[in-house]
Amino acid sequence: ARTFTATLQPLDTAIPDPAVVVLIGAAGSGKSTFASTWNPSQVL
């Protein structure tokens, strides 16, 4: 389970393991902040 609190509303979701999580969006939208909740070796 990952919980991420953004400026609009919290995101609370279960992500299976293993999984591929693709974060696509504008610069400054919070992708890297959300990605930082994973182990650095898992983030490309």
All heavy atoms as atom14 arrays in JSON, in Angstrom:
{
  "sequence": "ARTFTATLQPLDTAIPDPAVVVLIGAAGSGKSTFASTWNPSQVL",
  "atom14_mask": [
    [1, 1, 1, 1, 1, 0, 0, 0, 0, 0, 0, 0, 0, 0],
    [1, 1, 1, 1, 1, 1, 1, 1, 1, 1, 1, 0, 0, 0],
    [1, 1, 1, 1, 1, 1, 1, 0, 0, 0, 0, 0, 0, 0],
    [1, 1, 1, 1, 1, 1, 1, 1, 1, 1, 1, 0, 0, 0],
    [1, 1, 1, 1, 1, 1, 1, 0, 0, 0, 0, 0, 0, 0],
    [1, 1, 1, 1, 1, 0, 0, 0, 0, 0, 0, 0, 0, 0],
    [1, 1, 1, 1, 1, 1, 1, 0, 0, 0, 0, 0, 0, 0],
    [1, 1, 1, 1, 1, 1, 1, 1, 0, 0, 0, 0, 0, 0],
    [1, 1, 1, 1, 1, 1, 1, 1, 1, 0, 0, 0, 0, 0],
    [1, 1, 1, 1, 1, 1, 1, 0, 0, 0, 0, 0, 0, 0],
    [1, 1, 1, 1, 1, 1, 1, 1, 0, 0, 0, 0, 0, 0],
    [1, 1, 1, 1, 1, 1, 1, 1, 0, 0, 0, 0, 0, 0],
    [1, 1, 1, 1, 1, 1, 1, 0, 0, 0, 0, 0, 0, 0],
    [1, 1, 1, 1, 1, 0, 0, 0, 0, 0, 0, 0, 0, 0],
    [1, 1, 1, 1, 1, 1, 1, 1, 0, 0, 0, 0, 0, 0],
    [1, 1, 1, 1, 1, 1, 1, 0, 0, 0, 0, 0, 0, 0],
    [1, 1, 1, 1, 1, 1, 1, 1, 0, 0, 0, 0, 0, 0],
    [1, 1, 1, 1, 1, 1, 1, 0, 0, 0, 0, 0, 0, 0],
    [1, 1, 1, 1, 1, 0, 0, 0, 0, 0, 0, 0, 0, 0],
    [1, 1, 1, 1, 1, 1, 1, 0, 0, 0, 0, 0, 0, 0],
    [1, 1, 1, 1, 1, 1, 1, 0, 0, 0, 0, 0, 0, 0],
    [1, 1, 1, 1, 1, 1, 1, 0, 0, 0, 0, 0, 0, 0],
    [1, 1, 1, 1, 1, 1, 1, 1, 0, 0, 0, 0, 0, 0],
    [1, 1, 1, 1, 1, 1, 1, 1, 0, 0, 0, 0, 0, 0],
    [1, 1, 1, 1, 0, 0, 0, 0, 0, 0, 0, 0, 0, 0],
    [1, 1, 1, 1, 1, 0, 0, 0, 0, 0, 0, 0, 0, 0],
    [1, 1, 1, 1, 1, 0, 0, 0, 0, 0, 0, 0, 0, 0],
    [1, 1, 1, 1, 0, 0, 0, 0, 0, 0, 0, 0, 0, 0],
    [1, 1, 1, 1, 1, 1, 0, 0, 0, 0, 0, 0, 0, 0],
    [1, 1, 1, 1, 0, 0, 0, 0, 0, 0, 0, 0, 0, 0],
    [1, 1, 1, 1, 1, 1, 1, 1, 1, 0, 0, 0, 0, 0],
    [1, 1, 1, 1, 1, 1, 0, 0, 0, 0, 0, 0, 0, 0],
    [1, 1, 1, 1, 1, 1, 1, 0, 0, 0, 0, 0, 0, 0],
    [1, 1, 1, 1, 1, 1, 1, 1, 1, 1, 1, 0, 0, 0],
    [1, 1, 1, 1, 1, 0, 0, 0, 0, 0, 0, 0, 0, 0],
    [1, 1, 1, 1, 1, 1, 0, 0, 0, 0, 0, 0, 0, 0],
    [1, 1, 1, 1, 1, 1, 1, 0, 0, 0, 0, 0, 0, 0],
    [1, 1, 1, 1, 1, 1, 1, 1, 1, 1, 1, 1, 1, 1],
    [1, 1, 1, 1, 1, 1, 1, 1, 0, 0, 0, 0, 0, 0],
    [1, 1, 1, 1, 1, 1, 1, 0, 0, 0, 0, 0, 0, 0],
    [1, 1, 1, 1, 1, 1, 0, 0, 0, 0, 0, 0, 0, 0],
    [1, 1, 1, 1, 1, 1, 1, 1, 1, 0, 0, 0, 0, 0],
    [1, 1, 1, 1, 1, 1, 1, 0, 0, 0, 0, 0, 0, 0],
    [1, 1, 1, 1, 1, 1, 1, 1, 0, 0, 0, 0, 0, 0]
  ],
  "atom14_positions": [
    [[0.85, -1.19, 0.0], [0.0, 0.0, 0.0], [0.88, 1.24, 0.0], [1.87, 1.31, 0.71], [-0.91, 0.01, 1.2], [0.0, 0.0, 0.0], [0.0, 0.0, 0.0], [0.0, 0.0, 0.0], [0.0, 0.0, 0.0], [0.0, 0.0, 0.0], [0.0, 0.0, 0.0], [0.0, 0.0, 0.0], [0.0, 0.0, 0.0], [0.0, 0.0, 0.0]],
    [[0.53, 2.19, -0.82], [1.25, 3.46, -0.88], [0.25, 4.56, -0.6], [-0.86, 4.56, -1.12], [1.84, 3.7, -2.28], [2.82, 2.66, -2.71], [4.16, 2.97, -2.12], [5.1, 1.96, -2.57], [6.22, 1.72, -1.98], [6.58, 2.41, -0.93], [7.03, 0.8, -2.41], [0.0, 0.0, 0.0], [0.0, 0.0, 0.0], [0.0, 0.0, 0.0]],
    [[0.61, 5.51, 0.2], [-0.23, 6.67, 0.43], [0.57, 7.9, 0.05], [1.7, 8.07, 0.47], [-0.65, 6.76, 1.92], [-1.34, 5.57, 2.25], [-1.56, 7.96, 2.15], [0.0, 0.0, 0.0], [0.0, 0.0, 0.0], [0.0, 0.0, 0.0], [0.0, 0.0, 0.0], [0.0, 0.0, 0.0], [0.0, 0.0, 0.0], [0.0, 0.0, 0.0]],
    [[-0.02, 8.74, -0.74], [0.64, 9.95, -1.23], [-0.35, 11.09, -1.08], [-1.46, 11.04, -1.59], [1.04, 9.77, -2.69], [1.68, 10.99, -3.29], [2.95, 11.38, -2.91], [1.02, 11.74, -4.24], [3.56, 12.49, -3.46], [1.62, 12.85, -4.79], [2.89, 13.23, -4.4], [0.0, 0.0, 0.0], [0.0, 0.0, 0.0], [0.0, 0.0, 0.0]],
    [[0.03, 12.13, -0.38], [-0.85, 13.27, -0.19], [-0.41, 14.38, -1.13], [0.68, 14.91, -1.0], [-0.81, 13.76, 1.27], [-1.15, 12.66, 2.11], [-1.79, 14.88, 1.49], [0.0, 0.0, 0.0], [0.0, 0.0, 0.0], [0.0, 0.0, 0.0], [0.0, 0.0, 0.0], [0.0, 0.0, 0.0], [0.0, 0.0, 0.0], [0.0, 0.0, 0.0]],
    [[-1.23, 14.67, -2.08], [-0.95, 15.73, -3.05], [-1.72, 16.98, -2.62], [-2.34, 17.0, -1.56], [-1.38, 15.28, -4.44], [0.0, 0.0, 0.0], [0.0, 0.0, 0.0], [0.0, 0.0, 0.0], [0.0, 0.0, 0.0], [0.0, 0.0, 0.0], [0.0, 0.0, 0.0], [0.0, 0.0, 0.0], [0.0, 0.0, 0.0], [0.0, 0.0, 0.0]],
    [[-1.71, 17.98, -3.46], [-2.4, 19.21, -3.11], [-3.91, 19.07, -3.22], [-4.64, 19.81, -2.58], [-1.93, 20.36, -4.02], [-2.12, 19.98, -5.37], [-0.48, 20.68, -3.77], [0.0, 0.0, 0.0], [0.0, 0.0, 0.0], [0.0, 0.0, 0.0], [0.0, 0.0, 0.0], [0.0, 0.0, 0.0], [0.0, 0.0, 0.0], [0.0, 0.0, 0.0]],
    [[-4.4, 18.11, -3.99], [-5.84, 17.99, -4.19], [-6.49, 17.0, -3.23], [-7.43, 17.29, -2.55], [-6.15, 17.6, -5.64], [-5.7, 18.6, -6.7], [-5.99, 18.07, -8.09], [-6.42, 19.92, -6.49], [0.0, 0.0, 0.0], [0.0, 0.0, 0.0], [0.0, 0.0, 0.0], [0.0, 0.0, 0.0], [0.0, 0.0, 0.0], [0.0, 0.0, 0.0]],
    [[-5.99, 15.76, -3.21], [-6.59, 14.73, -2.36], [-5.59, 13.6, -2.17], [-4.69, 13.42, -2.97], [-7.87, 14.21, -2.99], [-7.67, 13.56, -4.35], [-8.98, 13.17, -5.0], [-10.02, 13.22, -4.39], [-8.92, 12.78, -6.25], [0.0, 0.0, 0.0], [0.0, 0.0, 0.0], [0.0, 0.0, 0.0], [0.0, 0.0, 0.0], [0.0, 0.0, 0.0]],
    [[-5.74, 12.83, -1.09], [-4.81, 11.71, -0.88], [-5.08, 10.58, -1.87], [-6.2, 10.36, -2.3], [-5.1, 11.28, 0.56], [-6.47, 11.78, 0.84], [-6.68, 13.01, 0.0], [0.0, 0.0, 0.0], [0.0, 0.0, 0.0], [0.0, 0.0, 0.0], [0.0, 0.0, 0.0], [0.0, 0.0, 0.0], [0.0, 0.0, 0.0], [0.0, 0.0, 0.0]],
    [[-4.0, 9.91, -2.23], [-4.09, 8.74, -3.1], [-3.74, 7.53, -2.24], [-2.66, 7.47, -1.68], [-3.1, 8.87, -4.26], [-2.93, 7.66, -5.17], [-4.24, 7.38, -5.91], [-1.81, 7.9, -6.15], [0.0, 0.0, 0.0], [0.0, 0.0, 0.0], [0.0, 0.0, 0.0], [0.0, 0.0, 0.0], [0.0, 0.0, 0.0], [0.0, 0.0, 0.0]],
    [[-4.65, 6.62, -2.09], [-4.42, 5.42, -1.3], [-4.81, 4.23, -2.15], [-5.97, 4.05, -2.47], [-5.23, 5.47, 0.0], [-4.88, 4.33, 0.94], [-3.91, 3.61, 0.66], [-5.58, 4.17, 1.94], [0.0, 0.0, 0.0], [0.0, 0.0, 0.0], [0.0, 0.0, 0.0], [0.0, 0.0, 0.0], [0.0, 0.0, 0.0], [0.0, 0.0, 0.0]],
    [[-3.82, 3.46, -2.56], [-4.09, 2.35, -3.46], [-3.17, 1.19, -3.14], [-2.08, 1.38, -2.63], [-3.93, 2.79, -4.93], [-4.33, 1.73, -5.77], [-2.51, 3.18, -5.24], [0.0, 0.0, 0.0], [0.0, 0.0, 0.0], [0.0, 0.0, 0.0], [0.0, 0.0, 0.0], [0.0, 0.0, 0.0], [0.0, 0.0, 0.0], [0.0, 0.0, 0.0]],
    [[-3.62, 0.01, -3.44], [-2.78, -1.18, -3.27], [-2.16, -1.51, -4.62], [-2.86, -1.58, -5.63], [-3.62, -2.33, -2.76], [0.0, 0.0, 0.0], [0.0, 0.0, 0.0], [0.0, 0.0, 0.0], [0.0, 0.0, 0.0], [0.0, 0.0, 0.0], [0.0, 0.0, 0.0], [0.0, 0.0, 0.0], [0.0, 0.0, 0.0], [0.0, 0.0, 0.0]],
    [[-0.87, -1.71, -4.63], [-0.15, -2.05, -5.86], [0.42, -3.45, -5.67], [1.13, -3.69, -4.69], [0.95, -1.02, -6.15], [0.32, 0.34, -6.39], [1.79, -1.45, -7.35], [1.29, 1.48, -6.51], [0.0, 0.0, 0.0], [0.0, 0.0, 0.0], [0.0, 0.0, 0.0], [0.0, 0.0, 0.0], [0.0, 0.0, 0.0], [0.0, 0.0, 0.0]],
    [[0.12, -4.36, -6.57], [0.62, -5.73, -6.41], [2.15, -5.77, -6.55], [2.75, -4.86, -7.09], [-0.05, -6.5, -7.54], [-0.39, -5.47, -8.56], [-0.63, -4.2, -7.81], [0.0, 0.0, 0.0], [0.0, 0.0, 0.0], [0.0, 0.0, 0.0], [0.0, 0.0, 0.0], [0.0, 0.0, 0.0], [0.0, 0.0, 0.0], [0.0, 0.0, 0.0]],
    [[2.72, -6.84, -6.04], [4.16, -7.02, -6.15], [4.4, -8.39, -6.76], [3.97, -9.39, -6.17], [4.81, -6.92, -4.78], [6.32, -6.9, -4.83], [6.87, -6.54, -5.88], [6.95, -7.23, -3.82], [0.0, 0.0, 0.0], [0.0, 0.0, 0.0], [0.0, 0.0, 0.0], [0.0, 0.0, 0.0], [0.0, 0.0, 0.0], [0.0, 0.0, 0.0]],
    [[4.98, -8.5, -7.92], [5.63, -7.43, -8.68], [4.63, -6.62, -9.51], [3.53, -7.07, -9.8], [6.58, -8.19, -9.59], [5.9, -9.49, -9.85], [5.17, -9.81, -8.56], [0.0, 0.0, 0.0], [0.0, 0.0, 0.0], [0.0, 0.0, 0.0], [0.0, 0.0, 0.0], [0.0, 0.0, 0.0], [0.0, 0.0, 0.0], [0.0, 0.0, 0.0]],
    [[5.08, -5.44, -9.9], [4.27, -4.55, -10.73], [5.18, -3.61, -11.49], [6.32, -3.39, -11.1], [3.32, -3.74, -9.86], [0.0, 0.0, 0.0], [0.0, 0.0, 0.0], [0.0, 0.0, 0.0], [0.0, 0.0, 0.0], [0.0, 0.0, 0.0], [0.0, 0.0, 0.0], [0.0, 0.0, 0.0], [0.0, 0.0, 0.0], [0.0, 0.0, 0.0]],
    [[4.65, -3.05, -12.56], [5.3, -1.95, -13.26], [4.4, -0.74, -13.06], [3.22, -0.77, -13.42], [5.5, -2.23, -14.76], [6.07, -1.0, -15.46], [6.4, -3.43, -14.97], [0.0, 0.0, 0.0], [0.0, 0.0, 0.0], [0.0, 0.0, 0.0], [0.0, 0.0, 0.0], [0.0, 0.0, 0.0], [0.0, 0.0, 0.0], [0.0, 0.0, 0.0]],
    [[4.95, 0.29, -12.45], [4.21, 1.52, -12.2], [4.81, 2.58, -13.13], [6.01, 2.86, -13.05], [4.34, 1.96, -10.73], [3.6, 3.26, -10.48], [3.86, 0.85, -9.8], [0.0, 0.0, 0.0], [0.0, 0.0, 0.0], [0.0, 0.0, 0.0], [0.0, 0.0, 0.0], [0.0, 0.0, 0.0], [0.0, 0.0, 0.0], [0.0, 0.0, 0.0]],
    [[4.0, 3.14, -14.01], [4.48, 4.14, -14.96], [3.91, 5.49, -14.57], [2.69, 5.67, -14.55], [4.08, 3.77, -16.41], [4.61, 4.8, -17.39], [4.6, 2.37, -16.76], [0.0, 0.0, 0.0], [0.0, 0.0, 0.0], [0.0, 0.0, 0.0], [0.0, 0.0, 0.0], [0.0, 0.0, 0.0], [0.0, 0.0, 0.0], [0.0, 0.0, 0.0]],
    [[4.8, 6.41, -14.25], [4.41, 7.76, -13.86], [4.72, 8.7, -15.02], [5.88, 8.94, -15.33], [5.18, 8.19, -12.6], [5.08, 7.24, -11.41], [6.01, 7.71, -10.29], [3.64, 7.16, -10.92], [0.0, 0.0, 0.0], [0.0, 0.0, 0.0], [0.0, 0.0, 0.0], [0.0, 0.0, 0.0], [0.0, 0.0, 0.0], [0.0, 0.0, 0.0]],
    [[3.68, 9.2, -15.65], [3.83, 10.09, -16.81], [3.09, 11.38, -16.49], [1.95, 11.35, -16.03], [3.2, 9.46, -18.08], [3.83, 8.1, -18.39], [3.31, 10.41, -19.27], [5.27, 8.15, -18.82], [0.0, 0.0, 0.0], [0.0, 0.0, 0.0], [0.0, 0.0, 0.0], [0.0, 0.0, 0.0], [0.0, 0.0, 0.0], [0.0, 0.0, 0.0]],
    [[3.72, 12.52, -16.73], [3.04, 13.78, -16.49], [3.99, 14.95, -16.63], [5.18, 14.79, -16.85], [0.0, 0.0, 0.0], [0.0, 0.0, 0.0], [0.0, 0.0, 0.0], [0.0, 0.0, 0.0], [0.0, 0.0, 0.0], [0.0, 0.0, 0.0], [0.0, 0.0, 0.0], [0.0, 0.0, 0.0], [0.0, 0.0, 0.0], [0.0, 0.0, 0.0]],
    [[3.43, 16.12, -16.48], [4.19, 17.35, -16.64], [5.26, 17.48, -15.57], [5.13, 16.94, -14.47], [3.24, 18.55, -16.57], [0.0, 0.0, 0.0], [0.0, 0.0, 0.0], [0.0, 0.0, 0.0], [0.0, 0.0, 0.0], [0.0, 0.0, 0.0], [0.0, 0.0, 0.0], [0.0, 0.0, 0.0], [0.0, 0.0, 0.0], [0.0, 0.0, 0.0]],
    [[6.31, 18.21, -15.91], [7.36, 18.5, -14.93], [6.73, 19.23, -13.74], [5.87, 20.09, -13.91], [8.43, 19.37, -15.57], [0.0, 0.0, 0.0], [0.0, 0.0, 0.0], [0.0, 0.0, 0.0], [0.0, 0.0, 0.0], [0.0, 0.0, 0.0], [0.0, 0.0, 0.0], [0.0, 0.0, 0.0], [0.0, 0.0, 0.0], [0.0, 0.0, 0.0]],
    [[7.13, 18.83, -12.54], [6.62, 19.48, -11.34], [5.27, 18.97, -10.87], [4.7, 19.52, -9.93], [0.0, 0.0, 0.0], [0.0, 0.0, 0.0], [0.0, 0.0, 0.0], [0.0, 0.0, 0.0], [0.0, 0.0, 0.0], [0.0, 0.0, 0.0], [0.0, 0.0, 0.0], [0.0, 0.0, 0.0], [0.0, 0.0, 0.0], [0.0, 0.0, 0.0]],
    [[4.76, 17.89, -11.47], [3.43, 17.4, -11.09], [3.45, 16.42, -9.92], [2.4, 15.97, -9.48], [2.76, 16.75, -12.31], [3.48, 15.61, -12.73], [0.0, 0.0, 0.0], [0.0, 0.0, 0.0], [0.0, 0.0, 0.0], [0.0, 0.0, 0.0], [0.0, 0.0, 0.0], [0.0, 0.0, 0.0], [0.0, 0.0, 0.0], [0.0, 0.0, 0.0]],
    [[4.64, 16.06, -9.43], [4.72, 15.18, -8.27], [5.14, 13.75, -8.56], [5.17, 12.91, -7.66], [0.0, 0.0, 0.0], [0.0, 0.0, 0.0], [0.0, 0.0, 0.0], [0.0, 0.0, 0.0], [0.0, 0.0, 0.0], [0.0, 0.0, 0.0], [0.0, 0.0, 0.0], [0.0, 0.0, 0.0], [0.0, 0.0, 0.0], [0.0, 0.0, 0.0]],
    [[5.49, 13.47, -9.81], [5.89, 12.1, -10.18], [7.1, 11.63, -9.38], [7.08, 10.54, -8.8], [6.24, 12.02, -11.68], [5.13, 12.34, -12.63], [5.6, 12.32, -14.06], [6.8, 13.17, -14.36], [6.66, 14.59, -14.13], [0.0, 0.0, 0.0], [0.0, 0.0, 0.0], [0.0, 0.0, 0.0], [0.0, 0.0, 0.0], [0.0, 0.0, 0.0]],
    [[8.13, 12.43, -9.35], [9.36, 12.04, -8.66], [9.16, 11.96, -7.16], [9.75, 11.11, -6.48], [10.5, 12.99, -9.0], [10.8, 12.9, -10.38], [0.0, 0.0, 0.0], [0.0, 0.0, 0.0], [0.0, 0.0, 0.0], [0.0, 0.0, 0.0], [0.0, 0.0, 0.0], [0.0, 0.0, 0.0], [0.0, 0.0, 0.0], [0.0, 0.0, 0.0]],
    [[8.31, 12.82, -6.62], [8.01, 12.76, -5.19], [7.31, 11.45, -4.86], [7.66, 10.77, -3.88], [7.13, 13.96, -4.78], [7.84, 15.16, -5.07], [6.79, 13.92, -3.3], [0.0, 0.0, 0.0], [0.0, 0.0, 0.0], [0.0, 0.0, 0.0], [0.0, 0.0, 0.0], [0.0, 0.0, 0.0], [0.0, 0.0, 0.0], [0.0, 0.0, 0.0]],
    [[6.35, 11.06, -5.68], [5.66, 9.78, -5.48], [6.64, 8.62, -5.68], [6.66, 7.67, -4.9], [4.48, 9.68, -6.44], [3.59, 8.49, -6.21], [3.21, 8.11, -4.93], [3.11, 7.76, -7.28], [2.37, 7.02, -4.71], [2.28, 6.67, -7.07], [1.9, 6.29, -5.79], [0.0, 0.0, 0.0], [0.0, 0.0, 0.0], [0.0, 0.0, 0.0]],
    [[7.48, 8.7, -6.7], [8.45, 7.63, -6.97], [9.42, 7.47, -5.81], [9.91, 6.36, -5.54], [9.22, 7.92, -8.26], [0.0, 0.0, 0.0], [0.0, 0.0, 0.0], [0.0, 0.0, 0.0], [0.0, 0.0, 0.0], [0.0, 0.0, 0.0], [0.0, 0.0, 0.0], [0.0, 0.0, 0.0], [0.0, 0.0, 0.0], [0.0, 0.0, 0.0]],
    [[9.69, 8.54, -5.08], [10.65, 8.48, -3.98], [10.14, 7.63, -2.81], [10.9, 7.34, -1.89], [11.01, 9.88, -3.49], [9.93, 10.47, -2.79], [0.0, 0.0, 0.0], [0.0, 0.0, 0.0], [0.0, 0.0, 0.0], [0.0, 0.0, 0.0], [0.0, 0.0, 0.0], [0.0, 0.0, 0.0], [0.0, 0.0, 0.0], [0.0, 0.0, 0.0]],
    [[8.89, 7.2, -2.83], [8.37, 6.34, -1.78], [8.79, 4.88, -2.0], [8.56, 4.05, -1.14], [6.84, 6.43, -1.65], [6.21, 5.93, -2.83], [6.41, 7.87, -1.39], [0.0, 0.0, 0.0], [0.0, 0.0, 0.0], [0.0, 0.0, 0.0], [0.0, 0.0, 0.0], [0.0, 0.0, 0.0], [0.0, 0.0, 0.0], [0.0, 0.0, 0.0]],
    [[9.39, 4.59, -3.16], [9.91, 3.25, -3.45], [11.41, 3.22, -3.2], [12.08, 4.26, -3.16], [9.65, 2.88, -4.91], [8.32, 2.26, -5.15], [8.0, 0.94, -5.07], [7.11, 2.93, -5.54], [6.67, 0.76, -5.37], [6.1, 1.97, -5.66], [6.79, 4.26, -5.77], [4.81, 2.27, -6.02], [5.49, 4.57, -6.13], [4.52, 3.59, -6.25]],
    [[11.95, 2.03, -3.1], [13.39, 1.83, -2.99], [14.05, 2.44, -4.23], [13.59, 2.19, -5.35], [13.66, 0.33, -2.9], [15.11, 0.0, -2.69], [15.99, 0.62, -3.27], [15.35, -0.99, -1.88], [0.0, 0.0, 0.0], [0.0, 0.0, 0.0], [0.0, 0.0, 0.0], [0.0, 0.0, 0.0], [0.0, 0.0, 0.0], [0.0, 0.0, 0.0]],
    [[15.12, 3.2, -4.1], [15.76, 3.83, -5.26], [16.15, 2.84, -6.36], [16.15, 3.19, -7.54], [17.0, 4.5, -4.67], [16.64, 4.77, -3.25], [15.76, 3.6, -2.83], [0.0, 0.0, 0.0], [0.0, 0.0, 0.0], [0.0, 0.0, 0.0], [0.0, 0.0, 0.0], [0.0, 0.0, 0.0], [0.0, 0.0, 0.0], [0.0, 0.0, 0.0]],
    [[16.47, 1.6, -6.0], [16.85, 0.62, -7.03], [15.66, 0.22, -7.89], [15.84, -0.35, -8.98], [17.47, -0.63, -6.39], [16.49, -1.33, -5.63], [0.0, 0.0, 0.0], [0.0, 0.0, 0.0], [0.0, 0.0, 0.0], [0.0, 0.0, 0.0], [0.0, 0.0, 0.0], [0.0, 0.0, 0.0], [0.0, 0.0, 0.0], [0.0, 0.0, 0.0]],
    [[14.45, 0.52, -7.45], [13.25, 0.16, -8.21], [12.8, 1.27, -9.16], [11.92, 1.06, -9.97], [12.1, -0.15, -7.24], [12.34, -1.38, -6.39], [11.22, -1.6, -5.41], [10.91, -0.71, -4.6], [10.61, -2.77, -5.46], [0.0, 0.0, 0.0], [0.0, 0.0, 0.0], [0.0, 0.0, 0.0], [0.0, 0.0, 0.0], [0.0, 0.0, 0.0]],
    [[13.39, 2.45, -9.05], [12.93, 3.61, -9.81], [13.84, 3.87, -11.01], [15.05, 4.03, -10.86], [12.86, 4.87, -8.91], [12.4, 6.08, -9.71], [11.93, 4.61, -7.72], [0.0, 0.0, 0.0], [0.0, 0.0, 0.0], [0.0, 0.0, 0.0], [0.0, 0.0, 0.0], [0.0, 0.0, 0.0], [0.0, 0.0, 0.0], [0.0, 0.0, 0.0]],
    [[13.23, 3.91, -12.18], [13.95, 4.25, -13.41], [13.49, 5.65, -13.83], [12.34, 5.84, -14.21], [13.65, 3.25, -14.52], [13.92, 1.78, -14.2], [13.62, 0.92, -15.42], [15.33, 1.57, -13.73], [0.0, 0.0, 0.0], [0.0, 0.0, 0.0], [0.0, 0.0, 0.0], [0.0, 0.0, 0.0], [0.0, 0.0, 0.0], [0.0, 0.0, 0.0]]
  ]
}
